[in-house]
Amino acid sequence: MNIKLTIDRFENDKAILMTDDGGTVVWPKNKLPSDAREGIILNFNILSDLGAEKDKKELAKEILNEILDVNPAP
C-alpha cells in the first residue's frame, strides 16, 4: 500500500504530516529525507512482514517452553 503525505509543518523535532483526507501523522523529523521542507509530498510504502511475525511467535514459544521447562517433540 502506498500512501502520500504532505509535510504541513515542523514542531520542534517532529514533522506534522497531512493525509489526503485531512488526517495527521506525527513523524520524527530526523527520519525524513535531509531536503524535507513544508509542502513537500512524501510517499510511504507500507508492507506487512509476515516472516518477522512468524519469527517473533516462534521466539516467544521457545522462551515460554524454556520457562515452563517443556521439551517440545521434534
PDB file of N, CA and C in Angstrom:
ATOM      1  N   MET A   1       0.848  -1.158   0.000  1.00  0.00           N
ATOM      2  CA  MET A   1       0.000   0.000   0.000  1.00  0.00           C
ATOM      3  C   MET A   1       0.905   1.237   0.000  1.00  0.00           C
ATOM      4  N   ASN A   2       0.641   2.146  -0.870  1.00  0.00           N
ATOM      5  CA  ASN A   2       1.397   3.387  -0.955  1.00  0.00           C
ATOM      6  C   ASN A   2       0.517   4.541  -0.472  1.00  0.00           C
ATOM      7  N   ILE A   3       1.058   5.345   0.449  1.00  0.00           N
ATOM      8  CA  ILE A   3       0.320   6.480   0.998  1.00  0.00           C
ATOM      9  C   ILE A   3       1.127   7.744   0.759  1.00  0.00           C
ATOM     10  N   LYS A   4       0.460   8.789   0.296  1.00  0.00           N
ATOM     11  CA  LYS A   4       1.109  10.079   0.095  1.00  0.00           C
ATOM     12  C   LYS A   4       0.743  11.007   1.240  1.00  0.00           C
ATOM     13  N   LEU A   5       1.775  11.600   1.853  1.00  0.00           N
ATOM     14  CA  LEU A   5       1.583  12.526   2.956  1.00  0.00           C
ATOM     15  C   LEU A   5       2.325  13.816   2.637  1.00  0.00           C
ATOM     16  N   THR A   6       1.736  14.937   3.011  1.00  0.00           N
ATOM     17  CA  THR A   6       2.339  16.248   2.782  1.00  0.00           C
ATOM     18  C   THR A   6       2.864  16.791   4.099  1.00  0.00           C
ATOM     19  N   ILE A   7       4.087  17.312   4.081  1.00  0.00           N
ATOM     20  CA  ILE A   7       4.617  17.935   5.294  1.00  0.00           C
ATOM     21  C   ILE A   7       3.883  19.252   5.492  1.00  0.00           C
ATOM     22  N   ASP A   8       3.100  19.321   6.550  1.00  0.00           N
ATOM     23  CA  ASP A   8       2.330  20.525   6.859  1.00  0.00           C
ATOM     24  C   ASP A   8       3.192  21.544   7.591  1.00  0.00           C
ATOM     25  N   ARG A   9       3.910  21.038   8.629  1.00  0.00           N
ATOM     26  CA  ARG A   9       4.742  21.943   9.427  1.00  0.00           C
ATOM     27  C   ARG A   9       5.694  21.120  10.285  1.00  0.00           C
ATOM     28  N   PHE A  10       6.616  21.839  10.905  1.00  0.00           N
ATOM     29  CA  PHE A  10       7.538  21.227  11.854  1.00  0.00           C
ATOM     30  C   PHE A  10       7.271  21.811  13.233  1.00  0.00           C
ATOM     31  N   GLU A  11       7.288  20.950  14.227  1.00  0.00           N
ATOM     32  CA  GLU A  11       7.149  21.373  15.620  1.00  0.00           C
ATOM     33  C   GLU A  11       8.278  20.716  16.400  1.00  0.00           C
ATOM     34  N   ASN A  12       9.278  21.530  16.748  1.00  0.00           N
ATOM     35  CA  ASN A  12      10.469  21.034  17.439  1.00  0.00           C
ATOM     36  C   ASN A  12      11.118  19.924  16.611  1.00  0.00           C
ATOM     37  N   ASP A  13      11.227  18.727  17.165  1.00  0.00           N
ATOM     38  CA  ASP A  13      11.882  17.631  16.452  1.00  0.00           C
ATOM     39  C   ASP A  13      10.891  16.719  15.734  1.00  0.00           C
ATOM     40  N   LYS A  14       9.665  17.177  15.563  1.00  0.00           N
ATOM     41  CA  LYS A  14       8.615  16.387  14.898  1.00  0.00           C
ATOM     42  C   LYS A  14       8.131  17.082  13.633  1.00  0.00           C
ATOM     43  N   ALA A  15       7.689  16.270  12.674  1.00  0.00           N
ATOM     44  CA  ALA A  15       7.043  16.793  11.465  1.00  0.00           C
ATOM     45  C   ALA A  15       5.574  16.413  11.543  1.00  0.00           C
ATOM     46  N   ILE A  16       4.710  17.344  11.206  1.00  0.00           N
ATOM     47  CA  ILE A  16       3.273  17.079  11.165  1.00  0.00           C
ATOM     48  C   ILE A  16       2.927  16.852   9.696  1.00  0.00           C
ATOM     49  N   LEU A  17       2.521  15.634   9.393  1.00  0.00           N
ATOM     50  CA  LEU A  17       2.202  15.231   8.027  1.00  0.00           C
ATOM     51  C   LEU A  17       0.695  15.157   7.862  1.00  0.00           C
ATOM     52  N   MET A  18       0.205  15.599   6.714  1.00  0.00           N
ATOM     53  CA  MET A  18      -1.229  15.593   6.439  1.00  0.00           C
ATOM     54  C   MET A  18      -1.566  14.537   5.390  1.00  0.00           C
ATOM     55  N   THR A  19      -2.645  13.804   5.652  1.00  0.00           N
ATOM     56  CA  THR A  19      -3.142  12.845   4.676  1.00  0.00           C
ATOM     57  C   THR A  19      -4.090  13.554   3.714  1.00  0.00           C
ATOM     58  N   ASP A  20      -4.436  12.889   2.631  1.00  0.00           N
ATOM     59  CA  ASP A  20      -5.361  13.472   1.650  1.00  0.00           C
ATOM     60  C   ASP A  20      -6.731  13.764   2.246  1.00  0.00           C
ATOM     61  N   ASP A  21      -7.126  12.971   3.262  1.00  0.00           N
ATOM     62  CA  ASP A  21      -8.450  13.170   3.853  1.00  0.00           C
ATOM     63  C   ASP A  21      -8.426  14.067   5.093  1.00  0.00           C
ATOM     64  N   GLY A  22      -7.310  14.769   5.322  1.00  0.00           N
ATOM     65  CA  GLY A  22      -7.230  15.731   6.413  1.00  0.00           C
ATOM     66  C   GLY A  22      -6.711  15.192   7.728  1.00  0.00           C
ATOM     67  N   GLY A  23      -6.368  13.924   7.764  1.00  0.00           N
ATOM     68  CA  GLY A  23      -5.800  13.347   8.982  1.00  0.00           C
ATOM     69  C   GLY A  23      -4.356  13.797   9.155  1.00  0.00           C
ATOM     70  N   THR A  24      -3.840  13.590  10.347  1.00  0.00           N
ATOM     71  CA  THR A  24      -2.454  13.969  10.605  1.00  0.00           C
ATOM     72  C   THR A  24      -1.656  12.783  11.131  1.00  0.00           C
ATOM     73  N   VAL A  25      -0.374  12.827  10.844  1.00  0.00           N
ATOM     74  CA  VAL A  25       0.582  11.842  11.336  1.00  0.00           C
ATOM     75  C   VAL A  25       1.756  12.629  11.888  1.00  0.00           C
ATOM     76  N   VAL A  26       2.189  12.289  13.095  1.00  0.00           N
ATOM     77  CA  VAL A  26       3.363  12.922  13.684  1.00  0.00           C
ATOM     78  C   VAL A  26       4.542  11.985  13.432  1.00  0.00           C
ATOM     79  N   TRP A  27       5.614  12.526  12.847  1.00  0.00           N
ATOM     80  CA  TRP A  27       6.759  11.718  12.438  1.00  0.00           C
ATOM     81  C   TRP A  27       8.043  12.378  12.920  1.00  0.00           C
ATOM     82  N   PRO A  28       9.021  11.604  13.372  1.00  0.00           N
ATOM     83  CA  PRO A  28      10.290  12.206  13.792  1.00  0.00           C
ATOM     84  C   PRO A  28      10.974  12.932  12.627  1.00  0.00           C
ATOM     85  N   LYS A  29      11.364  14.153  12.865  1.00  0.00           N
ATOM     86  CA  LYS A  29      11.996  14.967  11.826  1.00  0.00           C
ATOM     87  C   LYS A  29      13.281  14.322  11.327  1.00  0.00           C
ATOM     88  N   ASN A  30      14.030  13.676  12.233  1.00  0.00           N
ATOM     89  CA  ASN A  30      15.301  13.068  11.823  1.00  0.00           C
ATOM     90  C   ASN A  30      15.123  11.787  11.003  1.00  0.00           C
ATOM     91  N   LYS A  31      13.898  11.331  10.817  1.00  0.00           N
ATOM     92  CA  LYS A  31      13.618  10.152   9.984  1.00  0.00           C
ATOM     93  C   LYS A  31      13.102  10.550   8.599  1.00  0.00           C
ATOM     94  N   LEU A  32      13.190  11.840   8.272  1.00  0.00           N
ATOM     95  CA  LEU A  32      12.783  12.346   6.959  1.00  0.00           C
ATOM     96  C   LEU A  32      14.022  12.585   6.101  1.00  0.00           C
ATOM     97  N   PRO A  33      13.845  12.665   4.775  1.00  0.00           N
ATOM     98  CA  PRO A  33      14.983  12.994   3.914  1.00  0.00           C
ATOM     99  C   PRO A  33      15.592  14.343   4.317  1.00  0.00           C
ATOM    100  N   SER A  34      16.875  14.509   4.102  1.00  0.00           N
ATOM    101  CA  SER A  34      17.572  15.726   4.530  1.00  0.00           C
ATOM    102  C   SER A  34      17.026  16.984   3.852  1.00  0.00           C
ATOM    103  N   ASP A  35      16.433  16.838   2.663  1.00  0.00           N
ATOM    104  CA  ASP A  35      15.901  18.008   1.945  1.00  0.00           C
ATOM    105  C   ASP A  35      14.415  18.254   2.240  1.00  0.00           C
ATOM    106  N   ALA A  36      13.867  17.590   3.263  1.00  0.00           N
ATOM    107  CA  ALA A  36      12.445  17.737   3.591  1.00  0.00           C
ATOM    108  C   ALA A  36      12.136  19.173   4.018  1.00  0.00           C
ATOM    109  N   ARG A  37      11.011  19.681   3.531  1.00  0.00           N
ATOM    110  CA  ARG A  37      10.562  21.036   3.873  1.00  0.00           C
ATOM    111  C   ARG A  37       9.041  21.066   3.812  1.00  0.00           C
ATOM    112  N   GLU A  38       8.447  22.104   4.363  1.00  0.00           N
ATOM    113  CA  GLU A  38       6.994  22.239   4.356  1.00  0.00           C
ATOM    114  C   GLU A  38       6.471  22.235   2.924  1.00  0.00           C
ATOM    115  N   GLY A  39       5.379  21.513   2.713  1.00  0.00           N
ATOM    116  CA  GLY A  39       4.750  21.456   1.405  1.00  0.00           C
ATOM    117  C   GLY A  39       5.189  20.291   0.539  1.00  0.00           C
ATOM    118  N   ILE A  40       6.304  19.660   0.872  1.00  0.00           N
ATOM    119  CA  ILE A  40       6.789  18.546   0.066  1.00  0.00           C
ATOM    120  C   ILE A  40       5.893  17.322   0.293  1.00  0.00           C
ATOM    121  N   ILE A  41       5.710  16.528  -0.731  1.00  0.00           N
ATOM    122  CA  ILE A  41       4.896  15.314  -0.647  1.00  0.00           C
ATOM    123  C   ILE A  41       5.832  14.122  -0.478  1.00  0.00           C
ATOM    124  N   LEU A  42       5.505  13.292   0.495  1.00  0.00           N
ATOM    125  CA  LEU A  42       6.281  12.094   0.778  1.00  0.00           C
ATOM    126  C   LEU A  42       5.463  10.867   0.422  1.00  0.00           C
ATOM    127  N   ASN A  43       6.113   9.850  -0.097  1.00  0.00           N
ATOM    128  CA  ASN A  43       5.471   8.581  -0.388  1.00  0.00           C
ATOM    129  C   ASN A  43       5.892   7.562   0.657  1.00  0.00           C
ATOM    130  N   PHE A  44       4.930   6.985   1.346  1.00  0.00           N
ATOM    131  CA  PHE A  44       5.187   5.935   2.320  1.00  0.00           C
ATOM    132  C   PHE A  44       4.666   4.630   1.735  1.00  0.00           C
ATOM    133  N   ASN A  45       5.533   3.634   1.683  1.00  0.00           N
ATOM    134  CA  ASN A  45       5.146   2.322   1.195  1.00  0.00           C
ATOM    135  C   ASN A  45       5.028   1.402   2.407  1.00  0.00           C
ATOM    136  N   ILE A  46       3.834   0.904   2.662  1.00  0.00           N
ATOM    137  CA  ILE A  46       3.574   0.083   3.841  1.00  0.00           C
ATOM    138  C   ILE A  46       3.391  -1.366   3.407  1.00  0.00           C
ATOM    139  N   LEU A  47       4.224  -2.225   3.983  1.00  0.00           N
ATOM    140  CA  LEU A  47       4.179  -3.650   3.670  1.00  0.00           C
ATOM    141  C   LEU A  47       4.079  -4.447   4.961  1.00  0.00           C
ATOM    142  N   SER A  48       3.409  -5.583   4.920  1.00  0.00           N
ATOM    143  CA  SER A  48       3.411  -6.450   6.094  1.00  0.00           C
ATOM    144  C   SER A  48       4.628  -7.367   6.013  1.00  0.00           C
ATOM    145  N   ASP A  49       5.155  -7.715   7.168  1.00  0.00           N
ATOM    146  CA  ASP A  49       6.328  -8.571   7.244  1.00  0.00           C
ATOM    147  C   ASP A  49       5.930  -9.839   7.990  1.00  0.00           C
ATOM    148  N   LEU A  50       5.305 -10.760   7.274  1.00  0.00           N
ATOM    149  CA  LEU A  50       4.799 -11.977   7.889  1.00  0.00           C
ATOM    150  C   LEU A  50       5.923 -12.857   8.403  1.00  0.00           C
ATOM    151  N   GLY A  51       7.074 -12.808   7.747  1.00  0.00           N
ATOM    152  CA  GLY A  51       8.225 -13.593   8.201  1.00  0.00           C
ATOM    153  C   GLY A  51       8.680 -13.148   9.574  1.00  0.00           C
ATOM    154  N   ALA A  52       8.751 -11.839   9.803  1.00  0.00           N
ATOM    155  CA  ALA A  52       9.167 -11.314  11.105  1.00  0.00           C
ATOM    156  C   ALA A  52       8.143 -11.684  12.173  1.00  0.00           C
ATOM    157  N   GLU A  53       6.870 -11.641  11.812  1.00  0.00           N
ATOM    158  CA  GLU A  53       5.812 -12.011  12.758  1.00  0.00           C
ATOM    159  C   GLU A  53       5.969 -13.472  13.175  1.00  0.00           C
ATOM    160  N   LYS A  54       6.228 -14.336  12.201  1.00  0.00           N
ATOM    161  CA  LYS A  54       6.405 -15.762  12.477  1.00  0.00           C
ATOM    162  C   LYS A  54       7.619 -15.976  13.371  1.00  0.00           C
ATOM    163  N   ASP A  55       8.725 -15.261  13.077  1.00  0.00           N
ATOM    164  CA  ASP A  55       9.938 -15.383  13.881  1.00  0.00           C
ATOM    165  C   ASP A  55       9.685 -14.965  15.328  1.00  0.00           C
ATOM    166  N   LYS A  56       8.940 -13.875  15.530  1.00  0.00           N
ATOM    167  CA  LYS A  56       8.639 -13.412  16.890  1.00  0.00           C
ATOM    168  C   LYS A  56       7.781 -14.430  17.636  1.00  0.00           C
ATOM    169  N   LYS A  57       6.799 -15.010  16.946  1.00  0.00           N
ATOM    170  CA  LYS A  57       5.944 -16.010  17.579  1.00  0.00           C
ATOM    171  C   LYS A  57       6.760 -17.234  17.979  1.00  0.00           C
ATOM    172  N   GLU A  58       7.664 -17.665  17.104  1.00  0.00           N
ATOM    173  CA  GLU A  58       8.499 -18.837  17.381  1.00  0.00           C
ATOM    174  C   GLU A  58       9.425 -18.551  18.563  1.00  0.00           C
ATOM    175  N   LEU A  59      10.010 -17.361  18.612  1.00  0.00           N
ATOM    176  CA  LEU A  59      10.887 -16.983  19.724  1.00  0.00           C
ATOM    177  C   LEU A  59      10.091 -16.959  21.034  1.00  0.00           C
ATOM    178  N   ALA A  60       8.899 -16.397  21.005  1.00  0.00           N
ATOM    179  CA  ALA A  60       8.057 -16.353  22.205  1.00  0.00           C
ATOM    180  C   ALA A  60       7.727 -17.763  22.676  1.00  0.00           C
ATOM    181  N   LYS A  61       7.436 -18.649  21.734  1.00  0.00           N
ATOM    182  CA  LYS A  61       7.112 -20.030  22.085  1.00  0.00           C
ATOM    183  C   LYS A  61       8.327 -20.711  22.719  1.00  0.00           C
ATOM    184  N   GLU A  62       9.514 -20.490  22.156  1.00  0.00           N
ATOM    185  CA  GLU A  62      10.735 -21.087  22.705  1.00  0.00           C
ATOM    186  C   GLU A  62      11.009 -20.579  24.117  1.00  0.00           C
ATOM    187  N   ILE A  63      10.837 -19.284  24.332  1.00  0.00           N
ATOM    188  CA  ILE A  63      11.067 -18.705  25.660  1.00  0.00           C
ATOM    189  C   ILE A  63      10.070 -19.279  26.663  1.00  0.00           C
ATOM    190  N   LEU A  64       8.805 -19.363  26.268  1.00  0.00           N
ATOM    191  CA  LEU A  64       7.778 -19.909  27.156  1.00  0.00           C
ATOM    192  C   LEU A  64       8.070 -21.370  27.480  1.00  0.00           C
ATOM    193  N   ASN A  65       8.470 -22.152  26.490  1.00  0.00           N
ATOM    194  CA  ASN A  65       8.812 -23.554  26.731  1.00  0.00           C
ATOM    195  C   ASN A  65       9.989 -23.673  27.694  1.00  0.00           C
ATOM    196  N   GLU A  66      10.959 -22.780  27.552  1.00  0.00           N
ATOM    197  CA  GLU A  66      12.113 -22.798  28.446  1.00  0.00           C
ATOM    198  C   GLU A  66      11.700 -22.447  29.869  1.00  0.00           C
ATOM    199  N   ILE A  67      10.849 -21.423  30.005  1.00  0.00           N
ATOM    200  CA  ILE A  67      10.389 -21.025  31.341  1.00  0.00           C
ATOM    201  C   ILE A  67       9.612 -22.158  31.998  1.00  0.00           C
ATOM    202  N   LEU A  68       8.760 -22.801  31.226  1.00  0.00           N
ATOM    203  CA  LEU A  68       7.922 -23.881  31.758  1.00  0.00           C
ATOM    204  C   LEU A  68       8.647 -25.218  31.803  1.00  0.00           C
ATOM    205  N   ASP A  69       9.902 -25.226  31.307  1.00  0.00           N
ATOM    206  CA  ASP A  69      10.720 -26.438  31.250  1.00  0.00           C
ATOM    207  C   ASP A  69      10.017 -27.538  30.450  1.00  0.00           C
ATOM    208  N   VAL A  70       9.515 -27.150  29.290  1.00  0.00           N
ATOM    209  CA  VAL A  70       8.828 -28.076  28.402  1.00  0.00           C
ATOM    210  C   VAL A  70       9.752 -28.381  27.231  1.00  0.00           C
ATOM    211  N   ASN A  71       9.875 -29.652  26.884  1.00  0.00           N
ATOM    212  CA  ASN A  71      10.675 -30.054  25.722  1.00  0.00           C
ATOM    213  C   ASN A  71       9.737 -30.494  24.621  1.00  0.00           C
ATOM    214  N   PRO A  72       9.489 -29.626  23.629  1.00  0.00           N
ATOM    215  CA  PRO A  72       8.552 -29.997  22.554  1.00  0.00           C
ATOM    216  C   PRO A  72       9.116 -31.140  21.722  1.00  0.00           C
ATOM    217  N   ALA A  73       8.217 -31.956  21.192  1.00  0.00           N
ATOM    218  CA  ALA A  73       8.622 -33.080  20.338  1.00  0.00           C
ATOM    219  C   ALA A  73       9.224 -32.540  19.051  1.00  0.00           C
ATOM    220  N   PRO A  74      10.277 -33.206  18.535  1.00  0.00           N
ATOM    221  CA  PRO A  74      10.922 -32.734  17.289  1.00  0.00           C
ATOM    222  C   PRO A  74      10.070 -32.898  16.072  1.00  0.00           C
TER     223      PRO A  74
END
